[in-house]
């Protein structure tokens, strides 16, 4: 079964997306489909490999018409809600 987050999560080349990637997953934006993981050993990874917290925030930003549950998000993700 394909998960909503794996299909609809969008990586954007903007400051907020880059900050979310860095602070939550220690990752770096590379393309709209990939990110560079924290150790660089594996190289670029598909956006589906991001943490659920990061994907939740990116979906809140990119799909404001949909309600997302943040109950499983930690403080590192919740700190971004006022910015969104």
C-alpha atoms as a PDB file:
ATOM      1  CA  UNK A   1       0.000   0.000   0.000  1.00  0.00           C
ATOM      2  CA  UNK A   2       1.327   3.431  -0.935  1.00  0.00           C
ATOM      3  CA  UNK A   3       1.376   5.860   1.951  1.00  0.00           C
ATOM      4  CA  UNK A   4       0.107   9.456   1.481  1.00  0.00           C
ATOM      5  CA  UNK A   5       3.378  10.892   2.775  1.00  0.00           C
ATOM      6  CA  UNK A   6       5.485   8.925   0.304  1.00  0.00           C
ATOM      7  CA  UNK A   7       3.498  10.265  -2.638  1.00  0.00           C
ATOM      8  CA  UNK A   8       2.540  13.811  -1.667  1.00  0.00           C
ATOM      9  CA  UNK A   9       5.416  15.068   0.473  1.00  0.00           C
ATOM     10  CA  UNK A  10       7.139  17.866  -1.433  1.00  0.00           C
ATOM     11  CA  UNK A  11      10.687  19.050  -0.913  1.00  0.00           C
ATOM     12  CA  UNK A  12      10.955  22.725  -1.790  1.00  0.00           C
ATOM     13  CA  UNK A  13      14.073  24.749  -2.413  1.00  0.00           C
ATOM     14  CA  UNK A  14      13.299  27.378   0.243  1.00  0.00           C
ATOM     15  CA  UNK A  15      14.671  28.398   3.626  1.00  0.00           C
ATOM     16  CA  UNK A  16      11.883  26.884   5.752  1.00  0.00           C
ATOM     17  CA  UNK A  17      12.093  23.471   4.089  1.00  0.00           C
ATOM     18  CA  UNK A  18      15.886  23.471   4.384  1.00  0.00           C
ATOM     19  CA  UNK A  19      15.695  24.444   8.069  1.00  0.00           C
ATOM     20  CA  UNK A  20      13.168  21.687   8.820  1.00  0.00           C
ATOM     21  CA  UNK A  21      15.328  19.108   7.039  1.00  0.00           C
ATOM     22  CA  UNK A  22      18.457  20.193   8.901  1.00  0.00           C
ATOM     23  CA  UNK A  23      17.023  20.578  12.405  1.00  0.00           C
ATOM     24  CA  UNK A  24      14.888  17.445  12.473  1.00  0.00           C
ATOM     25  CA  UNK A  25      16.686  14.936  10.236  1.00  0.00           C
ATOM     26  CA  UNK A  26      20.152  16.515  10.036  1.00  0.00           C
ATOM     27  CA  UNK A  27      19.606  16.357   6.274  1.00  0.00           C
ATOM     28  CA  UNK A  28      20.353  18.692   3.402  1.00  0.00           C
ATOM     29  CA  UNK A  29      18.041  19.531   0.496  1.00  0.00           C
ATOM     30  CA  UNK A  30      19.395  18.349  -2.864  1.00  0.00           C
ATOM     31  CA  UNK A  31      16.409  18.111  -5.229  1.00  0.00           C
ATOM     32  CA  UNK A  32      12.626  18.085  -5.080  1.00  0.00           C
ATOM     33  CA  UNK A  33      12.813  14.297  -4.716  1.00  0.00           C
ATOM     34  CA  UNK A  34      16.002  13.730  -2.707  1.00  0.00           C
ATOM     35  CA  UNK A  35      17.987  14.842   0.309  1.00  0.00           C
ATOM     36  CA  UNK A  36      21.503  14.216   1.549  1.00  0.00           C
ATOM     37  CA  UNK A  37      21.494  12.231   4.753  1.00  0.00           C
ATOM     38  CA  UNK A  38      23.477  13.244   7.833  1.00  0.00           C
ATOM     39  CA  UNK A  39      26.605  11.144   7.353  1.00  0.00           C
ATOM     40  CA  UNK A  40      26.764  11.287   3.542  1.00  0.00           C
ATOM     41  CA  UNK A  41      27.681   7.582   3.509  1.00  0.00           C
ATOM     42  CA  UNK A  42      24.530   6.607   1.631  1.00  0.00           C
ATOM     43  CA  UNK A  43      24.445   9.721  -0.532  1.00  0.00           C
ATOM     44  CA  UNK A  44      21.167  11.135  -1.779  1.00  0.00           C
ATOM     45  CA  UNK A  45      18.057   9.406  -0.470  1.00  0.00           C
ATOM     46  CA  UNK A  46      14.473   9.517  -1.667  1.00  0.00           C
ATOM     47  CA  UNK A  47      12.120  11.832   0.217  1.00  0.00           C
ATOM     48  CA  UNK A  48      10.190   8.769   1.436  1.00  0.00           C
ATOM     49  CA  UNK A  49      13.120   8.066   3.787  1.00  0.00           C
ATOM     50  CA  UNK A  50      12.569  11.272   5.802  1.00  0.00           C
ATOM     51  CA  UNK A  51      11.256  11.041   9.350  1.00  0.00           C
ATOM     52  CA  UNK A  52       7.509  11.145   9.878  1.00  0.00           C
ATOM     53  CA  UNK A  53       7.957  14.432  11.764  1.00  0.00           C
ATOM     54  CA  UNK A  54       9.612  16.099   8.792  1.00  0.00           C
ATOM     55  CA  UNK A  55       7.061  14.726   6.350  1.00  0.00           C
ATOM     56  CA  UNK A  56       4.216  15.910   8.585  1.00  0.00           C
ATOM     57  CA  UNK A  57       5.540  19.477   8.682  1.00  0.00           C
ATOM     58  CA  UNK A  58       6.212  19.596   4.947  1.00  0.00           C
ATOM     59  CA  UNK A  59       2.706  18.348   4.251  1.00  0.00           C
ATOM     60  CA  UNK A  60       1.178  20.939   6.593  1.00  0.00           C
ATOM     61  CA  UNK A  61       3.017  23.604   4.585  1.00  0.00           C
ATOM     62  CA  UNK A  62       2.204  22.237   1.143  1.00  0.00           C
ATOM     63  CA  UNK A  63      -1.342  21.011   1.760  1.00  0.00           C
ATOM     64  CA  UNK A  64      -3.010  23.614   4.004  1.00  0.00           C
ATOM     65  CA  UNK A  65      -6.459  22.300   3.068  1.00  0.00           C
ATOM     66  CA  UNK A  66      -5.783  18.962   4.807  1.00  0.00           C
ATOM     67  CA  UNK A  67      -5.716  18.405   8.573  1.00  0.00           C
ATOM     68  CA  UNK A  68      -2.640  16.526   9.837  1.00  0.00           C
ATOM     69  CA  UNK A  69      -2.208  15.002  13.290  1.00  0.00           C
ATOM     70  CA  UNK A  70       0.929  16.225  15.081  1.00  0.00           C
ATOM     71  CA  UNK A  71       0.416  14.058  18.179  1.00  0.00           C
ATOM     72  CA  UNK A  72       3.440  11.903  17.338  1.00  0.00           C
ATOM     73  CA  UNK A  73       5.706  14.882  16.611  1.00  0.00           C
ATOM     74  CA  UNK A  74       8.376  15.750  19.149  1.00  0.00           C
ATOM     75  CA  UNK A  75       9.366  19.189  20.384  1.00  0.00           C
ATOM     76  CA  UNK A  76      11.949  19.498  17.618  1.00  0.00           C
ATOM     77  CA  UNK A  77       9.106  19.438  15.073  1.00  0.00           C
ATOM     78  CA  UNK A  78       6.494  21.271  17.122  1.00  0.00           C
ATOM     79  CA  UNK A  79       8.767  24.315  17.399  1.00  0.00           C
ATOM     80  CA  UNK A  80       8.135  24.945  13.672  1.00  0.00           C
ATOM     81  CA  UNK A  81       4.344  25.214  13.953  1.00  0.00           C
ATOM     82  CA  UNK A  82       4.338  28.964  14.795  1.00  0.00           C
ATOM     83  CA  UNK A  83       6.523  29.582  11.702  1.00  0.00           C
ATOM     84  CA  UNK A  84       4.039  27.732   9.520  1.00  0.00           C
END
